Amino acid sequence: MTRHTLNWMALFAALALPGVASAHHQAKEMNGMLVTPKTEMTLYTFDKDSGGKSMCNGECAKNWPPLAAQANEKNEGKWTQIKRDDGSMQWAYDGKPLYTFIKDKKAGDMTGDGVKDVWHVAKP
């Protein structure tokens, strides 16, 4: 077998393992923005976040729930997990932590875009 064939076999074997999930199960692209996969709720970034660290904690996180990452999910490409101040894990895209907004009630709502000029729709 060629090395290329072995690489493909390893990839398929890894994908077949139970309990291994990727970031694509947490978010997807729709209409040029990132949304949650099942409910298609808009995802946002926060200008005050920097260096892959969330600055939205406490009351902020109640209004802007972080996109939670689970222990069995793995980083993939621009998708990475960051550790929050409370010890929980959160998804980030291209180094920017991702959040939903409590006032968005249905798929396609973008009521958080531009809030206080620091919240923006997340784009791939």
PDB file of N, CA and C in Angstrom:
ATOM      1  N   MET A   1       0.836  -1.182   0.000  1.00  0.00           N
ATOM      2  CA  MET A   1       0.000   0.000   0.000  1.00  0.00           C
ATOM      3  C   MET A   1       0.876   1.239   0.000  1.00  0.00           C
ATOM      4  N   THR A   2       0.339   2.265  -0.610  1.00  0.00           N
ATOM      5  CA  THR A   2       1.083   3.513  -0.627  1.00  0.00           C
ATOM      6  C   THR A   2       0.845   4.273   0.669  1.00  0.00           C
ATOM      7  N   ARG A   3       1.720   5.219   0.920  1.00  0.00           N
ATOM      8  CA  ARG A   3       1.582   6.038   2.125  1.00  0.00           C
ATOM      9  C   ARG A   3       0.258   6.820   2.079  1.00  0.00           C
ATOM     10  N   HIS A   4      -0.102   7.282   0.887  1.00  0.00           N
ATOM     11  CA  HIS A   4      -1.354   8.026   0.704  1.00  0.00           C
ATOM     12  C   HIS A   4      -2.553   7.168   1.105  1.00  0.00           C
ATOM     13  N   THR A   5      -2.546   5.915   0.694  1.00  0.00           N
ATOM     14  CA  THR A   5      -3.636   4.998   1.023  1.00  0.00           C
ATOM     15  C   THR A   5      -3.707   4.780   2.533  1.00  0.00           C
ATOM     16  N   LEU A   6      -2.553   4.634   3.159  1.00  0.00           N
ATOM     17  CA  LEU A   6      -2.525   4.437   4.612  1.00  0.00           C
ATOM     18  C   LEU A   6      -3.068   5.660   5.336  1.00  0.00           C
ATOM     19  N   ASN A   7      -2.742   6.864   4.847  1.00  0.00           N
ATOM     20  CA  ASN A   7      -3.269   8.082   5.471  1.00  0.00           C
ATOM     21  C   ASN A   7      -4.787   8.116   5.386  1.00  0.00           C
ATOM     22  N   TRP A   8      -5.337   7.749   4.250  1.00  0.00           N
ATOM     23  CA  TRP A   8      -6.797   7.727   4.093  1.00  0.00           C
ATOM     24  C   TRP A   8      -7.417   6.678   5.007  1.00  0.00           C
ATOM     25  N   MET A   9      -6.765   5.526   5.114  1.00  0.00           N
ATOM     26  CA  MET A   9      -7.293   4.472   5.980  1.00  0.00           C
ATOM     27  C   MET A   9      -7.298   4.942   7.438  1.00  0.00           C
ATOM     28  N   ALA A  10      -6.243   5.623   7.847  1.00  0.00           N
ATOM     29  CA  ALA A  10      -6.169   6.139   9.219  1.00  0.00           C
ATOM     30  C   ALA A  10      -7.270   7.168   9.461  1.00  0.00           C
ATOM     31  N   LEU A  11      -7.510   8.034   8.474  1.00  0.00           N
ATOM     32  CA  LEU A  11      -8.569   9.029   8.599  1.00  0.00           C
ATOM     33  C   LEU A  11      -9.928   8.354   8.766  1.00  0.00           C
ATOM     34  N   PHE A  12     -10.240   7.389   7.919  1.00  0.00           N
ATOM     35  CA  PHE A  12     -11.529   6.701   8.011  1.00  0.00           C
ATOM     36  C   PHE A  12     -11.665   5.945   9.334  1.00  0.00           C
ATOM     37  N   ALA A  13     -10.584   5.359   9.801  1.00  0.00           N
ATOM     38  CA  ALA A  13     -10.627   4.649  11.086  1.00  0.00           C
ATOM     39  C   ALA A  13     -10.919   5.633  12.218  1.00  0.00           C
ATOM     40  N   ALA A  14     -10.293   6.791  12.181  1.00  0.00           N
ATOM     41  CA  ALA A  14     -10.523   7.792  13.225  1.00  0.00           C
ATOM     42  C   ALA A  14     -11.960   8.289  13.201  1.00  0.00           C
ATOM     43  N   LEU A  15     -12.498   8.479  12.012  1.00  0.00           N
ATOM     44  CA  LEU A  15     -13.872   8.959  11.901  1.00  0.00           C
ATOM     45  C   LEU A  15     -14.880   7.913  12.362  1.00  0.00           C
ATOM     46  N   ALA A  16     -14.496   6.656  12.290  1.00  0.00           N
ATOM     47  CA  ALA A  16     -15.405   5.578  12.671  1.00  0.00           C
ATOM     48  C   ALA A  16     -15.453   5.341  14.180  1.00  0.00           C
ATOM     49  N   LEU A  17     -14.490   5.892  14.913  1.00  0.00           N
ATOM     50  CA  LEU A  17     -14.445   5.677  16.354  1.00  0.00           C
ATOM     51  C   LEU A  17     -15.637   6.325  17.041  1.00  0.00           C
ATOM     52  N   PRO A  18     -16.324   5.605  17.895  1.00  0.00           N
ATOM     53  CA  PRO A  18     -17.439   6.215  18.616  1.00  0.00           C
ATOM     54  C   PRO A  18     -16.919   7.240  19.613  1.00  0.00           C
ATOM     55  N   GLY A  19     -17.684   8.280  19.821  1.00  0.00           N
ATOM     56  CA  GLY A  19     -17.315   9.278  20.819  1.00  0.00           C
ATOM     57  C   GLY A  19     -16.363  10.341  20.337  1.00  0.00           C
ATOM     58  N   VAL A  20     -15.908  10.264  19.092  1.00  0.00           N
ATOM     59  CA  VAL A  20     -15.033  11.295  18.565  1.00  0.00           C
ATOM     60  C   VAL A  20     -15.888  12.247  17.737  1.00  0.00           C
ATOM     61  N   ALA A  21     -15.987  13.466  18.185  1.00  0.00           N
ATOM     62  CA  ALA A  21     -16.806  14.442  17.484  1.00  0.00           C
ATOM     63  C   ALA A  21     -15.936  15.614  17.052  1.00  0.00           C
ATOM     64  N   SER A  22     -16.370  16.298  16.020  1.00  0.00           N
ATOM     65  CA  SER A  22     -15.622  17.452  15.538  1.00  0.00           C
ATOM     66  C   SER A  22     -16.430  18.719  15.725  1.00  0.00           C
ATOM     67  N   ALA A  23     -15.788  19.840  15.473  1.00  0.00           N
ATOM     68  CA  ALA A  23     -16.429  21.139  15.619  1.00  0.00           C
ATOM     69  C   ALA A  23     -17.619  21.292  14.694  1.00  0.00           C
ATOM     70  N   HIS A  24     -17.625  20.584  13.592  1.00  0.00           N
ATOM     71  CA  HIS A  24     -18.718  20.728  12.641  1.00  0.00           C
ATOM     72  C   HIS A  24     -20.043  20.255  13.222  1.00  0.00           C
ATOM     73  N   HIS A  25     -19.999  19.536  14.327  1.00  0.00           N
ATOM     74  CA  HIS A  25     -21.228  19.142  14.987  1.00  0.00           C
ATOM     75  C   HIS A  25     -21.751  20.288  15.856  1.00  0.00           C
ATOM     76  N   GLN A  26     -20.928  21.306  16.079  1.00  0.00           N
ATOM     77  CA  GLN A  26     -21.303  22.420  16.939  1.00  0.00           C
ATOM     78  C   GLN A  26     -21.754  23.657  16.174  1.00  0.00           C
ATOM     79  N   ALA A  27     -21.295  23.826  14.952  1.00  0.00           N
ATOM     80  CA  ALA A  27     -21.640  25.013  14.180  1.00  0.00           C
ATOM     81  C   ALA A  27     -21.530  24.705  12.700  1.00  0.00           C
ATOM     82  N   LYS A  28     -22.237  25.520  11.915  1.00  0.00           N
ATOM     83  CA  LYS A  28     -22.155  25.378  10.465  1.00  0.00           C
ATOM     84  C   LYS A  28     -22.309  26.750   9.839  1.00  0.00           C
ATOM     85  N   GLU A  29     -21.936  26.823   8.562  1.00  0.00           N
ATOM     86  CA  GLU A  29     -22.073  28.070   7.832  1.00  0.00           C
ATOM     87  C   GLU A  29     -23.442  28.102   7.157  1.00  0.00           C
ATOM     88  N   MET A  30     -24.102  29.260   7.252  1.00  0.00           N
ATOM     89  CA  MET A  30     -25.381  29.439   6.590  1.00  0.00           C
ATOM     90  C   MET A  30     -25.521  30.919   6.220  1.00  0.00           C
ATOM     91  N   ASN A  31     -25.754  31.186   4.955  1.00  0.00           N
ATOM     92  CA  ASN A  31     -25.926  32.562   4.483  1.00  0.00           C
ATOM     93  C   ASN A  31     -24.761  33.472   4.882  1.00  0.00           C
ATOM     94  N   GLY A  32     -23.527  32.940   4.832  1.00  0.00           N
ATOM     95  CA  GLY A  32     -22.348  33.736   5.118  1.00  0.00           C
ATOM     96  C   GLY A  32     -22.073  33.996   6.588  1.00  0.00           C
ATOM     97  N   MET A  33     -22.758  33.265   7.464  1.00  0.00           N
ATOM     98  CA  MET A  33     -22.499  33.432   8.903  1.00  0.00           C
ATOM     99  C   MET A  33     -22.446  32.064   9.564  1.00  0.00           C
ATOM    100  N   LEU A  34     -21.950  32.027  10.794  1.00  0.00           N
ATOM    101  CA  LEU A  34     -21.894  30.788  11.549  1.00  0.00           C
ATOM    102  C   LEU A  34     -23.127  30.666  12.426  1.00  0.00           C
ATOM    103  N   VAL A  35     -23.709  29.469  12.445  1.00  0.00           N
ATOM    104  CA  VAL A  35     -24.911  29.195  13.240  1.00  0.00           C
ATOM    105  C   VAL A  35     -24.754  27.848  13.937  1.00  0.00           C
ATOM    106  N   THR A  36     -25.560  27.631  14.964  1.00  0.00           N
ATOM    107  CA  THR A  36     -25.579  26.323  15.618  1.00  0.00           C
ATOM    108  C   THR A  36     -26.205  25.327  14.644  1.00  0.00           C
ATOM    109  N   PRO A  37     -25.766  24.065  14.638  1.00  0.00           N
ATOM    110  CA  PRO A  37     -26.207  23.131  13.594  1.00  0.00           C
ATOM    111  C   PRO A  37     -27.664  22.693  13.678  1.00  0.00           C
ATOM    112  N   LYS A  38     -28.147  22.413  14.870  1.00  0.00           N
ATOM    113  CA  LYS A  38     -29.511  21.879  14.991  1.00  0.00           C
ATOM    114  C   LYS A  38     -30.559  22.976  14.964  1.00  0.00           C
ATOM    115  N   THR A  39     -30.363  24.020  15.736  1.00  0.00           N
ATOM    116  CA  THR A  39     -31.369  25.070  15.841  1.00  0.00           C
ATOM    117  C   THR A  39     -31.113  26.243  14.895  1.00  0.00           C
ATOM    118  N   GLU A  40     -29.924  26.268  14.286  1.00  0.00           N
ATOM    119  CA  GLU A  40     -29.512  27.318  13.350  1.00  0.00           C
ATOM    120  C   GLU A  40     -29.596  28.711  13.975  1.00  0.00           C
ATOM    121  N   MET A  41     -29.233  28.792  15.256  1.00  0.00           N
ATOM    122  CA  MET A  41     -29.189  30.084  15.939  1.00  0.00           C
ATOM    123  C   MET A  41     -27.875  30.785  15.585  1.00  0.00           C
ATOM    124  N   THR A  42     -27.966  32.083  15.398  1.00  0.00           N
ATOM    125  CA  THR A  42     -26.820  32.894  15.013  1.00  0.00           C
ATOM    126  C   THR A  42     -25.739  32.850  16.089  1.00  0.00           C
ATOM    127  N   LEU A  43     -24.486  32.776  15.651  1.00  0.00           N
ATOM    128  CA  LEU A  43     -23.344  32.841  16.566  1.00  0.00           C
ATOM    129  C   LEU A  43     -22.683  34.210  16.441  1.00  0.00           C
ATOM    130  N   TYR A  44     -22.113  34.663  17.562  1.00  0.00           N
ATOM    131  CA  TYR A  44     -21.535  36.001  17.641  1.00  0.00           C
ATOM    132  C   TYR A  44     -20.108  35.967  18.184  1.00  0.00           C
ATOM    133  N   THR A  45     -19.374  37.046  17.886  1.00  0.00           N
ATOM    134  CA  THR A  45     -18.056  37.286  18.485  1.00  0.00           C
ATOM    135  C   THR A  45     -18.144  38.576  19.300  1.00  0.00           C
ATOM    136  N   PHE A  46     -17.214  38.705  20.242  1.00  0.00           N
ATOM    137  CA  PHE A  46     -17.179  39.826  21.189  1.00  0.00           C
ATOM    138  C   PHE A  46     -15.841  40.535  21.036  1.00  0.00           C
ATOM    139  N   ASP A  47     -15.857  41.825  20.711  1.00  0.00           N
ATOM    140  CA  ASP A  47     -14.627  42.580  20.466  1.00  0.00           C
ATOM    141  C   ASP A  47     -13.669  42.603  21.652  1.00  0.00           C
ATOM    142  N   LYS A  48     -14.179  42.458  22.865  1.00  0.00           N
ATOM    143  CA  LYS A  48     -13.313  42.529  24.049  1.00  0.00           C
ATOM    144  C   LYS A  48     -12.533  41.239  24.292  1.00  0.00           C
ATOM    145  N   ASP A  49     -12.905  40.151  23.596  1.00  0.00           N
ATOM    146  CA  ASP A  49     -12.138  38.901  23.686  1.00  0.00           C
ATOM    147  C   ASP A  49     -10.821  39.101  22.951  1.00  0.00           C
ATOM    148  N   SER A  50      -9.749  38.550  23.495  1.00  0.00           N
ATOM    149  CA  SER A  50      -8.470  38.618  22.787  1.00  0.00           C
ATOM    150  C   SER A  50      -7.579  37.463  23.207  1.00  0.00           C
ATOM    151  N   GLY A  51      -6.688  37.096  22.339  1.00  0.00           N
ATOM    152  CA  GLY A  51      -5.738  36.029  22.636  1.00  0.00           C
ATOM    153  C   GLY A  51      -6.407  34.696  22.917  1.00  0.00           C
ATOM    154  N   GLY A  52      -7.566  34.456  22.293  1.00  0.00           N
ATOM    155  CA  GLY A  52      -8.266  33.196  22.506  1.00  0.00           C
ATOM    156  C   GLY A  52      -8.873  33.061  23.889  1.00  0.00           C
ATOM    157  N   LYS A  53      -9.088  34.199  24.571  1.00  0.00           N
ATOM    158  CA  LYS A  53      -9.671  34.181  25.919  1.00  0.00           C
ATOM    159  C   LYS A  53     -11.002  34.923  25.901  1.00  0.00           C
ATOM    160  N   SER A  54     -11.998  34.323  26.560  1.00  0.00           N
ATOM    161  CA  SER A  54     -13.306  34.956  26.679  1.00  0.00           C
ATOM    162  C   SER A  54     -13.298  35.971  27.809  1.00  0.00           C
ATOM    163  N   MET A  55     -13.785  37.154  27.514  1.00  0.00           N
ATOM    164  CA  MET A  55     -13.940  38.193  28.537  1.00  0.00           C
ATOM    165  C   MET A  55     -15.402  38.318  28.950  1.00  0.00           C
ATOM    166  N   CYS A  56     -16.252  37.423  28.444  1.00  0.00           N
ATOM    167  CA  CYS A  56     -17.684  37.456  28.752  1.00  0.00           C
ATOM    168  C   CYS A  56     -17.978  36.371  29.788  1.00  0.00           C
ATOM    169  N   ASN A  57     -18.095  36.777  31.035  1.00  0.00           N
ATOM    170  CA  ASN A  57     -18.337  35.861  32.147  1.00  0.00           C
ATOM    171  C   ASN A  57     -19.482  36.395  33.003  1.00  0.00           C
ATOM    172  N   GLY A  58     -19.940  35.606  33.961  1.00  0.00           N
ATOM    173  CA  GLY A  58     -20.985  36.043  34.886  1.00  0.00           C
ATOM    174  C   GLY A  58     -22.258  36.451  34.167  1.00  0.00           C
ATOM    175  N   GLU A  59     -22.756  37.670  34.456  1.00  0.00           N
ATOM    176  CA  GLU A  59     -23.991  38.181  33.846  1.00  0.00           C
ATOM    177  C   GLU A  59     -23.871  38.235  32.326  1.00  0.00           C
ATOM    178  N   CYS A  60     -22.711  38.603  31.841  1.00  0.00           N
ATOM    179  CA  CYS A  60     -22.492  38.655  30.392  1.00  0.00           C
ATOM    180  C   CYS A  60     -22.795  37.294  29.768  1.00  0.00           C
ATOM    181  N   ALA A  61     -22.279  36.228  30.354  1.00  0.00           N
ATOM    182  CA  ALA A  61     -22.467  34.886  29.799  1.00  0.00           C
ATOM    183  C   ALA A  61     -23.916  34.404  29.927  1.00  0.00           C
ATOM    184  N   LYS A  62     -24.691  35.002  30.821  1.00  0.00           N
ATOM    185  CA  LYS A  62     -26.113  34.660  30.898  1.00  0.00           C
ATOM    186  C   LYS A  62     -26.864  35.222  29.692  1.00  0.00           C
ATOM    187  N   ASN A  63     -26.461  36.418  29.261  1.00  0.00           N
ATOM    188  CA  ASN A  63     -27.086  37.055  28.098  1.00  0.00           C
ATOM    189  C   ASN A  63     -26.487  36.568  26.780  1.00  0.00           C
ATOM    190  N   TRP A  64     -25.249  36.166  26.832  1.00  0.00           N
ATOM    191  CA  TRP A  64     -24.514  35.705  25.655  1.00  0.00           C
ATOM    192  C   TRP A  64     -23.950  34.316  25.965  1.00  0.00           C
ATOM    193  N   PRO A  65     -24.784  33.284  25.938  1.00  0.00           N
ATOM    194  CA  PRO A  65     -24.306  31.937  26.291  1.00  0.00           C
ATOM    195  C   PRO A  65     -23.173  31.467  25.384  1.00  0.00           C
ATOM    196  N   PRO A  66     -22.071  31.034  25.983  1.00  0.00           N
ATOM    197  CA  PRO A  66     -20.947  30.525  25.194  1.00  0.00           C
ATOM    198  C   PRO A  66     -21.344  29.256  24.429  1.00  0.00           C
ATOM    199  N   LEU A  67     -20.755  29.071  23.264  1.00  0.00           N
ATOM    200  CA  LEU A  67     -20.961  27.834  22.499  1.00  0.00           C
ATOM    201  C   LEU A  67     -20.103  26.763  23.159  1.00  0.00           C
ATOM    202  N   ALA A  68     -20.744  25.906  23.953  1.00  0.00           N
ATOM    203  CA  ALA A  68     -20.043  24.921  24.786  1.00  0.00           C
ATOM    204  C   ALA A  68     -19.363  23.842  23.950  1.00  0.00           C
ATOM    205  N   ALA A  69     -18.165  23.471  24.374  1.00  0.00           N
ATOM    206  CA  ALA A  69     -17.419  22.363  23.777  1.00  0.00           C
ATOM    207  C   ALA A  69     -17.413  21.222  24.786  1.00  0.00           C
ATOM    208  N   GLN A  70     -17.538  20.013  24.293  1.00  0.00           N
ATOM    209  CA  GLN A  70     -17.559  18.827  25.147  1.00  0.00           C
ATOM    210  C   GLN A  70     -16.193  18.133  25.112  1.00  0.00           C
ATOM    211  N   ALA A  71     -15.924  17.337  26.123  1.00  0.00           N
ATOM    212  CA  ALA A  71     -14.625  16.669  26.265  1.00  0.00           C
ATOM    213  C   ALA A  71     -14.286  15.763  25.079  1.00  0.00           C
ATOM    214  N   ASN A  72     -15.287  15.150  24.456  1.00  0.00           N
ATOM    215  CA  ASN A  72     -15.007  14.209  23.367  1.00  0.00           C
ATOM    216  C   ASN A  72     -14.861  14.906  22.015  1.00  0.00           C
ATOM    217  N   GLU A  73     -15.005  16.219  21.973  1.00  0.00           N
ATOM    218  CA  GLU A  73     -14.882  16.950  20.716  1.00  0.00           C
ATOM    219  C   GLU A  73     -13.445  17.409  20.533  1.00  0.00           C
ATOM    220  N   LYS A  74     -13.015  17.426  19.287  1.00  0.00           N
ATOM    221  CA  LYS A  74     -11.615  17.719  18.980  1.00  0.00           C
ATOM    222  C   LYS A  74     -11.485  18.989  18.148  1.00  0.00           C
ATOM    223  N   ASN A  75     -10.375  19.703  18.354  1.00  0.00           N
ATOM    224  CA  ASN A  75     -10.051  20.856  17.517  1.00  0.00           C
ATOM    225  C   ASN A  75      -9.914  20.399  16.077  1.00  0.00           C
ATOM    226  N   GLU A  76     -10.273  21.289  15.154  1.00  0.00           N
ATOM    227  CA  GLU A  76     -10.193  20.940  13.744  1.00  0.00           C
ATOM    228  C   GLU A  76     -10.032  22.210  12.915  1.00  0.00           C
ATOM    229  N   GLY A  77      -8.884  22.357  12.255  1.00  0.00           N
ATOM    230  CA  GLY A  77      -8.648  23.535  11.429  1.00  0.00           C
ATOM    231  C   GLY A  77      -8.712  24.810  12.256  1.00  0.00           C
ATOM    232  N   LYS A  78      -9.570  25.739  11.849  1.00  0.00           N
ATOM    233  CA  LYS A  78      -9.718  27.014  12.561  1.00  0.00           C
ATOM    234  C   LYS A  78     -10.578  26.891  13.813  1.00  0.00           C
ATOM    235  N   TRP A  79     -11.163  25.710  14.034  1.00  0.00           N
ATOM    236  CA  TRP A  79     -12.012  25.469  15.210  1.00  0.00           C
ATOM    237  C   TRP A  79     -11.160  24.993  16.373  1.00  0.00           C
ATOM    238  N   THR A  80     -11.184  25.728  17.473  1.00  0.00           N
ATOM    239  CA  THR A  80     -10.416  25.356  18.663  1.00  0.00           C
ATOM    240  C   THR A  80     -11.287  25.521  19.906  1.00  0.00           C
ATOM    241  N   GLN A  81     -10.878  24.856  20.952  1.00  0.00           N
ATOM    242  CA  GLN A  81     -11.559  24.980  22.231  1.00  0.00           C
ATOM    243  C   GLN A  81     -10.722  25.871  23.146  1.00  0.00           C
ATOM    244  N   ILE A  82     -11.409  26.704  23.895  1.00  0.00           N
ATOM    245  CA  ILE A  82     -10.732  27.546  24.883  1.00  0.00           C
ATOM    246  C   ILE A  82     -11.310  27.225  26.256  1.00  0.00           C
ATOM    247  N   LYS A  83     -10.500  27.432  27.261  1.00  0.00           N
ATOM    248  CA  LYS A  83     -10.954  27.200  28.637  1.00  0.00           C
ATOM    249  C   LYS A  83     -11.469  28.527  29.199  1.00  0.00           C
ATOM    250  N   ARG A  84     -12.686  28.488  29.713  1.00  0.00           N
ATOM    251  CA  ARG A  84     -13.310  29.669  30.289  1.00  0.00           C
ATOM    252  C   ARG A  84     -12.882  29.844  31.754  1.00  0.00           C
ATOM    253  N   ASP A  85     -13.133  31.017  32.307  1.00  0.00           N
ATOM    254  CA  ASP A  85     -12.769  31.298  33.701  1.00  0.00           C
ATOM    255  C   ASP A  85     -13.394  30.311  34.680  1.00  0.00           C
ATOM    256  N   ASP A  86     -14.595  29.791  34.343  1.00  0.00           N
ATOM    257  CA  ASP A  86     -15.256  28.832  35.234  1.00  0.00           C
ATOM    258  C   ASP A  86     -14.791  27.394  35.015  1.00  0.00           C
ATOM    259  N   GLY A  87     -13.830  27.198  34.117  1.00  0.00           N
ATOM    260  CA  GLY A  87     -13.284  25.873  33.852  1.00  0.00           C
ATOM    261  C   GLY A  87     -13.975  25.126  32.726  1.00  0.00           C
ATOM    262  N   SER A  88     -15.128  25.621  32.272  1.00  0.00           N
ATOM    263  CA  SER A  88     -15.818  24.962  31.156  1.00  0.00           C
ATOM    264  C   SER A  88     -15.090  25.263  29.847  1.00  0.00           C
ATOM    265  N   MET A  89     -15.416  24.505  28.818  1.00  0.00           N
ATOM    266  CA  MET A  89     -14.782  24.678  27.516  1.00  0.00           C
ATOM    267  C   MET A  89     -15.765  25.327  26.552  1.00  0.00           C
ATOM    268  N   GLN A  90     -15.209  26.141  25.649  1.00  0.00           N
ATOM    269  CA  GLN A  90     -16.003  26.893  24.687  1.00  0.00           C
ATOM    270  C   GLN A  90     -15.348  26.801  23.323  1.00  0.00           C
ATOM    271  N   TRP A  91     -16.179  26.748  22.270  1.00  0.00           N
ATOM    272  CA  TRP A  91     -15.649  26.747  20.909  1.00  0.00           C
ATOM    273  C   TRP A  91     -15.252  28.151  20.492  1.00  0.00           C
ATOM    274  N   ALA A  92     -14.153  28.217  19.751  1.00  0.00           N
ATOM    275  CA  ALA A  92     -13.705  29.458  19.123  1.00  0.00           C
ATOM    276  C   ALA A  92     -13.454  29.155  17.653  1.00  0.00           C
ATOM    277  N   TYR A  93     -13.679  30.146  16.811  1.00  0.00           N
ATOM    278  CA  TYR A  93     -13.394  30.015  15.384  1.00  0.00           C
ATOM    279  C   TYR A  93     -12.356  31.059  15.036  1.00  0.00           C
ATOM    280  N   ASP A  94     -11.242  30.606  14.483  1.00  0.00           N
ATOM    281  CA  ASP A  94     -10.142  31.497  14.108  1.00  0.00           C
ATOM    282  C   ASP A  94      -9.703  32.336  15.314  1.00  0.00           C
ATOM    283  N   GLY A  95      -9.684  31.710  16.500  1.00  0.00           N
ATOM    284  CA  GLY A  95      -9.228  32.373  17.716  1.00  0.00           C
ATOM    285  C   GLY A  95     -10.273  33.218  18.422  1.00  0.00           C
ATOM    286  N   LYS A  96     -11.488  33.311  17.858  1.00  0.00           N
ATOM    287  CA  LYS A  96     -12.533  34.147  18.452  1.00  0.00           C
ATOM    288  C   LYS A  96     -13.599  33.270  19.113  1.00  0.00           C
ATOM    289  N   PRO A  97     -13.749  33.388  20.437  1.00  0.00           N
ATOM    290  CA  PRO A  97     -14.787  32.626  21.125  1.00  0.00           C
ATOM    291  C   PRO A  97     -16.171  32.936  20.535  1.00  0.00           C
ATOM    292  N   LEU A  98     -17.051  31.926  20.529  1.00  0.00           N
ATOM    293  CA  LEU A  98     -18.375  32.056  19.935  1.00  0.00           C
ATOM    294  C   LEU A  98     -19.483  31.991  20.988  1.00  0.00           C
ATOM    295  N   TYR A  99     -20.532  32.772  20.734  1.00  0.00           N
ATOM    296  CA  TYR A  99     -21.659  32.895  21.657  1.00  0.00           C
ATOM    297  C   TYR A  99     -22.972  32.928  20.883  1.00  0.00           C
ATOM    298  N   THR A 100     -24.066  32.572  21.562  1.00  0.00           N
ATOM    299  CA  THR A 100     -25.403  32.847  21.056  1.00  0.00           C
ATOM    300  C   THR A 100     -25.899  34.075  21.839  1.00  0.00           C
ATOM    301  N   PHE A 101     -27.120  34.542  21.524  1.00  0.00           N
ATOM    302  CA  PHE A 101     -27.673  35.710  22.227  1.00  0.00           C
ATOM    303  C   PHE A 101     -29.047  35.364  22.757  1.00  0.00           C
ATOM    304  N   ILE A 102     -29.286  35.665  24.016  1.00  0.00           N
ATOM    305  CA  ILE A 102     -30.523  35.283  24.697  1.00  0.00           C
ATOM    306  C   ILE A 102     -31.772  35.883  24.031  1.00  0.00           C
ATOM    307  N   LYS A 103     -31.646  37.028  23.378  1.00  0.00           N
ATOM    308  CA  LYS A 103     -32.810  37.668  22.754  1.00  0.00           C
ATOM    309  C   LYS A 103     -33.142  37.100  21.374  1.00  0.00           C
ATOM    310  N   ASP A 104     -32.250  36.303  20.791  1.00  0.00           N
ATOM    311  CA  ASP A 104     -32.585  35.617  19.540  1.00  0.00           C
ATOM    312  C   ASP A 104     -33.534  34.483  19.897  1.00  0.00           C
ATOM    313  N   LYS A 105     -34.694  34.449  19.280  1.00  0.00           N
ATOM    314  CA  LYS A 105     -35.707  33.459  19.633  1.00  0.00           C
ATOM    315  C   LYS A 105     -35.891  32.357  18.599  1.00  0.00           C
ATOM    316  N   LYS A 106     -35.501  32.631  17.332  1.00  0.00           N
ATOM    317  CA  LYS A 106     -35.683  31.618  16.293  1.00  0.00           C
ATOM    318  C   LYS A 106     -34.533  31.696  15.307  1.00  0.00           C
ATOM    319  N   ALA A 107     -34.382  30.630  14.526  1.00  0.00           N
ATOM    320  CA  ALA A 107     -33.341  30.579  13.506  1.00  0.00           C
ATOM    321  C   ALA A 107     -33.421  31.825  12.631  1.00  0.00           C
ATOM    322  N   GLY A 108     -32.260  32.389  12.342  1.00  0.00           N
ATOM    323  CA  GLY A 108     -32.209  33.575  11.486  1.00  0.00           C
ATOM    324  C   GLY A 108     -32.252  34.887  12.234  1.00  0.00           C
ATOM    325  N   ASP A 109     -32.690  34.881  13.507  1.00  0.00           N
ATOM    326  CA  ASP A 109     -32.659  36.121  14.296  1.00  0.00           C
ATOM    327  C   ASP A 109     -31.209  36.567  14.448  1.00  0.00           C
ATOM    328  N   MET A 110     -30.979  37.879  14.324  1.00  0.00           N
ATOM    329  CA  MET A 110     -29.633  38.447  14.486  1.00  0.00           C
ATOM    330  C   MET A 110     -29.714  39.707  15.340  1.00  0.00           C
ATOM    331  N   THR A 111     -30.531  39.655  16.394  1.00  0.00           N
ATOM    332  CA  THR A 111     -30.758  40.845  17.214  1.00  0.00           C
ATOM    333  C   THR A 111     -29.514  41.283  17.975  1.00  0.00           C
ATOM    334  N   GLY A 112     -28.523  40.405  18.086  1.00  0.00           N
ATOM    335  CA  GLY A 112     -27.302  40.756  18.809  1.00  0.00           C
ATOM    336  C   GLY A 112     -26.262  41.465  17.965  1.00  0.00           C
ATOM    337  N   ASP A 113     -26.452  41.480  16.651  1.00  0.00           N
ATOM    338  CA  ASP A 113     -25.450  42.090  15.775  1.00  0.00           C
ATOM    339  C   ASP A 113     -25.370  43.596  16.020  1.00  0.00           C
ATOM    340  N   GLY A 114     -24.188  44.055  16.420  1.00  0.00           N
ATOM    341  CA  GLY A 114     -23.962  45.474  16.646  1.00  0.00           C
ATOM    342  C   GLY A 114     -24.292  45.971  18.040  1.00  0.00           C
ATOM    343  N   VAL A 115     -24.738  45.078  18.930  1.00  0.00           N
ATOM    344  CA  VAL A 115     -25.057  45.508  20.295  1.00  0.00           C
ATOM    345  C   VAL A 115     -23.823  46.163  20.919  1.00  0.00           C
ATOM    346  N   LYS A 116     -24.036  47.383  21.429  1.00  0.00           N
ATOM    347  CA  LYS A 116     -22.981  48.186  22.080  1.00  0.00           C
ATOM    348  C   LYS A 116     -21.724  48.301  21.209  1.00  0.00           C
ATOM    349  N   ASP A 117     -21.881  48.106  19.924  1.00  0.00           N
ATOM    350  CA  ASP A 117     -20.777  48.177  18.950  1.00  0.00           C
ATOM    351  C   ASP A 117     -19.634  47.213  19.249  1.00  0.00           C
ATOM    352  N   VAL A 118     -19.912  46.144  20.051  1.00  0.00           N
ATOM    353  CA  VAL A 118     -18.853  45.177  20.361  1.00  0.00           C
ATOM    354  C   VAL A 118     -19.243  43.742  20.058  1.00  0.00           C
ATOM    355  N   TRP A 119     -20.519  43.505  19.709  1.00  0.00           N
ATOM    356  CA  TRP A 119     -20.994  42.163  19.370  1.00  0.00           C
ATOM    357  C   TRP A 119     -21.275  42.116  17.881  1.00  0.00           C
ATOM    358  N   HIS A 120     -20.794  41.040  17.230  1.00  0.00           N
ATOM    359  CA  HIS A 120     -20.939  40.932  15.786  1.00  0.00           C
ATOM    360  C   HIS A 120     -21.273  39.504  15.377  1.00  0.00           C
ATOM    361  N   VAL A 121     -22.048  39.373  14.309  1.00  0.00           N
ATOM    362  CA  VAL A 121     -22.339  38.064  13.758  1.00  0.00           C
ATOM    363  C   VAL A 121     -21.005  37.426  13.382  1.00  0.00           C
ATOM    364  N   ALA A 122     -20.822  36.160  13.772  1.00  0.00           N
ATOM    365  CA  ALA A 122     -19.587  35.422  13.448  1.00  0.00           C
ATOM    366  C   ALA A 122     -19.646  34.984  11.991  1.00  0.00           C
ATOM    367  N   LYS A 123     -18.559  35.222  11.283  1.00  0.00           N
ATOM    368  CA  LYS A 123     -18.482  34.851   9.869  1.00  0.00           C
ATOM    369  C   LYS A 123     -17.262  33.967   9.642  1.00  0.00           C
ATOM    370  N   PRO A 124     -17.431  32.995   8.754  1.00  0.00           N
ATOM    371  CA  PRO A 124     -16.289  32.095   8.465  1.00  0.00           C
ATOM    372  C   PRO A 124     -15.196  32.813   7.674  1.00  0.00           C
TER     373      PRO A 124
END
